[in-house]
Structures are given as C-alpha cells and as structure tokens.
Amino acid sequence: MKCLGETPSPLSPRQAQVLCLLAHGYRLGEVALHLGISDSAVNLYLSNTRRKLGLKTNEQCLALAVHNGWLKQDCLSHSLDKAR
C-alpha cells in the first residue's frame, strides 16, 4: 500500500503504517495479523500516535495525517468507501 504522502511526518514508520492500514479500512485485529504483531502492540502504536499528536481518537489522527500530507487523501477514501 502506497499511503505515505510527500510531507515529512513526526510519526515513526510503524505508526504511519498502522494508520495507513486503518485508512484502508482494516480493523485492529486485521492490522495486527497483517503486520505479524499482537493486538496489544497495535493498540500501543495507536496510543503513542494519539499522544504524540495530542489527539484523542484514531479518526482525528487519520484526518490530521491526511490534512498535513503525511498520508495520501486517496488512502482515506478507501475506508470511507468500505463504511458505505
């Protein structure tokens, strides 16, 4: 998946990867399975991402990442399409 935008990001590569998978509509367990890590590791990456960005929800993190160009807009549209 080519989610990463052109703008430098404060996120670690793994944090960005987890957000990318969420943007593609993966659920937390699916993210863990795809990356070969535990559900608790995924939750830790997301918790650290929220803390680093000063936000409360994963959705806010996704929106900020797209707004700032850390993730491409078309990545987010995948999860919106899945939700419809």
N, C-alpha and C. Protein backbone atom coordinates (compact mmCIF):
# COMPACT_ATOMS: atom_id res chain seq x y z
N MET A 1 0.83 -1.17 0.00
CA MET A 1 0.00 0.00 0.00
C MET A 1 0.88 1.24 0.00
N LYS A 2 0.56 2.11 -0.90
CA LYS A 2 1.34 3.35 -1.01
C LYS A 2 0.53 4.49 -0.41
N CYS A 3 0.63 4.62 0.89
CA CYS A 3 -0.16 5.62 1.62
C CYS A 3 0.62 6.88 1.96
N LEU A 4 1.90 6.74 2.12
CA LEU A 4 2.67 7.84 2.66
C LEU A 4 2.69 9.02 1.70
N GLY A 5 2.43 10.20 2.27
CA GLY A 5 2.46 11.42 1.49
C GLY A 5 3.89 11.91 1.31
N GLU A 6 3.99 13.07 0.70
CA GLU A 6 5.31 13.65 0.40
C GLU A 6 5.86 14.47 1.58
N THR A 7 5.00 14.90 2.47
CA THR A 7 5.41 15.76 3.57
C THR A 7 6.06 14.95 4.68
N PRO A 8 7.21 15.39 5.19
CA PRO A 8 7.82 14.69 6.33
C PRO A 8 6.86 14.62 7.51
N SER A 9 6.87 13.50 8.19
CA SER A 9 5.93 13.23 9.27
C SER A 9 6.65 13.06 10.60
N PRO A 10 6.01 13.47 11.69
CA PRO A 10 6.60 13.22 13.01
C PRO A 10 6.38 11.77 13.48
N LEU A 11 5.62 11.01 12.70
CA LEU A 11 5.31 9.63 13.08
C LEU A 11 6.45 8.69 12.73
N SER A 12 6.59 7.65 13.53
CA SER A 12 7.56 6.60 13.18
C SER A 12 7.03 5.85 11.96
N PRO A 13 7.90 5.16 11.24
CA PRO A 13 7.42 4.38 10.09
C PRO A 13 6.31 3.39 10.47
N ARG A 14 6.42 2.75 11.63
CA ARG A 14 5.41 1.77 12.04
C ARG A 14 4.10 2.47 12.40
N GLN A 15 4.17 3.62 13.06
CA GLN A 15 2.95 4.36 13.37
C GLN A 15 2.23 4.76 12.08
N ALA A 16 2.99 5.22 11.10
CA ALA A 16 2.40 5.60 9.82
C ALA A 16 1.80 4.38 9.12
N GLN A 17 2.48 3.25 9.22
CA GLN A 17 1.99 2.02 8.60
C GLN A 17 0.66 1.58 9.22
N VAL A 18 0.57 1.66 10.54
CA VAL A 18 -0.67 1.30 11.23
C VAL A 18 -1.80 2.24 10.80
N LEU A 19 -1.53 3.54 10.74
CA LEU A 19 -2.56 4.48 10.29
C LEU A 19 -2.97 4.21 8.85
N CYS A 20 -2.00 3.87 8.02
CA CYS A 20 -2.29 3.55 6.62
C CYS A 20 -3.27 2.38 6.53
N LEU A 21 -3.02 1.34 7.29
CA LEU A 21 -3.90 0.18 7.27
C LEU A 21 -5.29 0.53 7.79
N LEU A 22 -5.35 1.35 8.83
CA LEU A 22 -6.66 1.81 9.32
C LEU A 22 -7.38 2.62 8.24
N ALA A 23 -6.62 3.44 7.53
CA ALA A 23 -7.21 4.24 6.45
C ALA A 23 -7.78 3.36 5.36
N HIS A 24 -7.20 2.19 5.17
CA HIS A 24 -7.69 1.25 4.17
C HIS A 24 -8.85 0.39 4.70
N GLY A 25 -9.29 0.69 5.91
CA GLY A 25 -10.46 0.00 6.45
C GLY A 25 -10.18 -1.25 7.25
N TYR A 26 -8.91 -1.52 7.53
CA TYR A 26 -8.57 -2.68 8.36
C TYR A 26 -9.05 -2.43 9.78
N ARG A 27 -9.54 -3.46 10.43
CA ARG A 27 -9.86 -3.40 11.86
C ARG A 27 -8.57 -3.69 12.64
N LEU A 28 -8.58 -3.39 13.94
CA LEU A 28 -7.35 -3.54 14.74
C LEU A 28 -6.77 -4.94 14.66
N GLY A 29 -7.60 -5.96 14.77
CA GLY A 29 -7.12 -7.34 14.68
C GLY A 29 -6.53 -7.66 13.32
N GLU A 30 -7.12 -7.08 12.28
CA GLU A 30 -6.60 -7.30 10.92
C GLU A 30 -5.26 -6.60 10.73
N VAL A 31 -5.11 -5.43 11.34
CA VAL A 31 -3.82 -4.72 11.29
C VAL A 31 -2.75 -5.58 11.95
N ALA A 32 -3.07 -6.12 13.12
CA ALA A 32 -2.12 -6.97 13.85
C ALA A 32 -1.72 -8.18 13.02
N LEU A 33 -2.70 -8.84 12.44
CA LEU A 33 -2.44 -10.02 11.62
C LEU A 33 -1.59 -9.68 10.41
N HIS A 34 -1.92 -8.58 9.74
CA HIS A 34 -1.19 -8.16 8.54
C HIS A 34 0.28 -7.84 8.86
N LEU A 35 0.50 -7.22 10.02
CA LEU A 35 1.87 -6.82 10.39
C LEU A 35 2.62 -7.90 11.17
N GLY A 36 1.90 -8.96 11.57
CA GLY A 36 2.54 -10.03 12.33
C GLY A 36 2.89 -9.62 13.75
N ILE A 37 2.04 -8.76 14.33
CA ILE A 37 2.25 -8.32 15.70
C ILE A 37 0.96 -8.57 16.50
N SER A 38 1.03 -8.38 17.80
CA SER A 38 -0.14 -8.62 18.64
C SER A 38 -1.12 -7.44 18.58
N ASP A 39 -2.36 -7.72 18.96
CA ASP A 39 -3.36 -6.65 19.05
C ASP A 39 -2.90 -5.57 20.03
N SER A 40 -2.28 -6.00 21.13
CA SER A 40 -1.83 -5.02 22.12
C SER A 40 -0.72 -4.13 21.57
N ALA A 41 0.11 -4.67 20.68
CA ALA A 41 1.15 -3.85 20.05
C ALA A 41 0.51 -2.79 19.14
N VAL A 42 -0.53 -3.19 18.41
CA VAL A 42 -1.24 -2.23 17.55
C VAL A 42 -1.84 -1.13 18.42
N ASN A 43 -2.48 -1.53 19.52
CA ASN A 43 -3.06 -0.54 20.43
C ASN A 43 -2.00 0.39 21.00
N LEU A 44 -0.82 -0.14 21.29
CA LEU A 44 0.27 0.69 21.80
C LEU A 44 0.74 1.69 20.75
N TYR A 45 0.90 1.24 19.51
CA TYR A 45 1.29 2.16 18.42
C TYR A 45 0.26 3.28 18.29
N LEU A 46 -1.02 2.92 18.34
CA LEU A 46 -2.08 3.93 18.20
C LEU A 46 -2.11 4.87 19.39
N SER A 47 -1.93 4.34 20.58
CA SER A 47 -1.90 5.17 21.78
C SER A 47 -0.75 6.17 21.72
N ASN A 48 0.42 5.68 21.32
CA ASN A 48 1.58 6.57 21.19
C ASN A 48 1.38 7.61 20.10
N THR A 49 0.71 7.22 19.02
CA THR A 49 0.41 8.17 17.94
C THR A 49 -0.51 9.27 18.44
N ARG A 50 -1.57 8.88 19.14
CA ARG A 50 -2.51 9.88 19.68
C ARG A 50 -1.80 10.82 20.65
N ARG A 51 -0.97 10.25 21.51
CA ARG A 51 -0.23 11.07 22.48
C ARG A 51 0.72 12.03 21.76
N LYS A 52 1.45 11.50 20.80
CA LYS A 52 2.43 12.31 20.06
C LYS A 52 1.75 13.49 19.35
N LEU A 53 0.56 13.25 18.82
CA LEU A 53 -0.15 14.29 18.07
C LEU A 53 -1.07 15.13 18.94
N GLY A 54 -1.23 14.73 20.21
CA GLY A 54 -2.09 15.47 21.12
C GLY A 54 -3.57 15.33 20.80
N LEU A 55 -3.95 14.15 20.30
CA LEU A 55 -5.33 13.91 19.88
C LEU A 55 -5.95 12.79 20.70
N LYS A 56 -7.28 12.66 20.61
CA LYS A 56 -7.99 11.68 21.43
C LYS A 56 -8.44 10.44 20.67
N THR A 57 -8.62 10.54 19.36
CA THR A 57 -9.15 9.39 18.62
C THR A 57 -8.27 9.04 17.43
N ASN A 58 -8.40 7.80 16.99
CA ASN A 58 -7.67 7.37 15.79
C ASN A 58 -8.16 8.12 14.57
N GLU A 59 -9.46 8.42 14.53
CA GLU A 59 -10.03 9.16 13.41
C GLU A 59 -9.43 10.55 13.30
N GLN A 60 -9.21 11.20 14.45
CA GLN A 60 -8.57 12.51 14.44
C GLN A 60 -7.15 12.41 13.90
N CYS A 61 -6.45 11.35 14.28
CA CYS A 61 -5.08 11.13 13.80
C CYS A 61 -5.07 10.95 12.29
N LEU A 62 -6.01 10.16 11.78
CA LEU A 62 -6.10 9.95 10.33
C LEU A 62 -6.38 11.26 9.62
N ALA A 63 -7.34 12.03 10.12
CA ALA A 63 -7.69 13.30 9.50
C ALA A 63 -6.50 14.26 9.49
N LEU A 64 -5.78 14.34 10.60
CA LEU A 64 -4.62 15.22 10.68
C LEU A 64 -3.52 14.76 9.74
N ALA A 65 -3.30 13.45 9.68
CA ALA A 65 -2.26 12.91 8.80
C ALA A 65 -2.56 13.22 7.34
N VAL A 66 -3.81 13.12 6.94
CA VAL A 66 -4.19 13.45 5.56
C VAL A 66 -4.09 14.96 5.35
N HIS A 67 -4.61 15.73 6.29
CA HIS A 67 -4.58 17.20 6.17
C HIS A 67 -3.15 17.73 6.03
N ASN A 68 -2.22 17.14 6.78
CA ASN A 68 -0.83 17.60 6.76
C ASN A 68 0.01 16.96 5.66
N GLY A 69 -0.59 16.05 4.90
CA GLY A 69 0.14 15.42 3.80
C GLY A 69 1.02 14.27 4.20
N TRP A 70 0.83 13.74 5.42
CA TRP A 70 1.62 12.58 5.86
C TRP A 70 1.07 11.30 5.25
N LEU A 71 -0.23 11.28 5.00
CA LEU A 71 -0.89 10.18 4.28
C LEU A 71 -1.62 10.78 3.10
N LYS A 72 -1.70 10.01 2.03
CA LYS A 72 -2.39 10.48 0.83
C LYS A 72 -3.91 10.45 1.04
N GLN A 73 -4.59 11.42 0.46
CA GLN A 73 -6.04 11.54 0.58
C GLN A 73 -6.76 10.29 0.08
N ASP A 74 -6.26 9.69 -1.01
CA ASP A 74 -6.96 8.53 -1.57
C ASP A 74 -6.90 7.32 -0.65
N CYS A 75 -5.95 7.29 0.27
CA CYS A 75 -5.92 6.22 1.28
C CYS A 75 -7.15 6.29 2.15
N LEU A 76 -7.48 7.48 2.59
CA LEU A 76 -8.62 7.66 3.47
C LEU A 76 -9.93 7.35 2.76
N SER A 77 -10.00 7.63 1.47
CA SER A 77 -11.24 7.37 0.74
C SER A 77 -11.53 5.88 0.68
N HIS A 78 -10.50 5.02 0.76
CA HIS A 78 -10.72 3.57 0.78
C HIS A 78 -11.57 3.17 1.98
N SER A 79 -11.25 3.72 3.15
CA SER A 79 -12.00 3.34 4.35
C SER A 79 -13.39 3.95 4.32
N LEU A 80 -13.54 5.12 3.72
CA LEU A 80 -14.86 5.73 3.62
C LEU A 80 -15.75 4.91 2.69
N ASP A 81 -15.17 4.40 1.60
CA ASP A 81 -15.93 3.56 0.67
C ASP A 81 -16.38 2.28 1.36
N LYS A 82 -15.50 1.70 2.18
CA LYS A 82 -15.82 0.47 2.89
C LYS A 82 -16.95 0.68 3.90
N ALA A 83 -17.01 1.87 4.47
CA ALA A 83 -18.01 2.17 5.50
C ALA A 83 -19.41 2.37 4.91
N ARG A 84 -19.48 2.65 3.63
CA ARG A 84 -20.78 2.92 2.99
C ARG A 84 -21.54 1.67 2.69
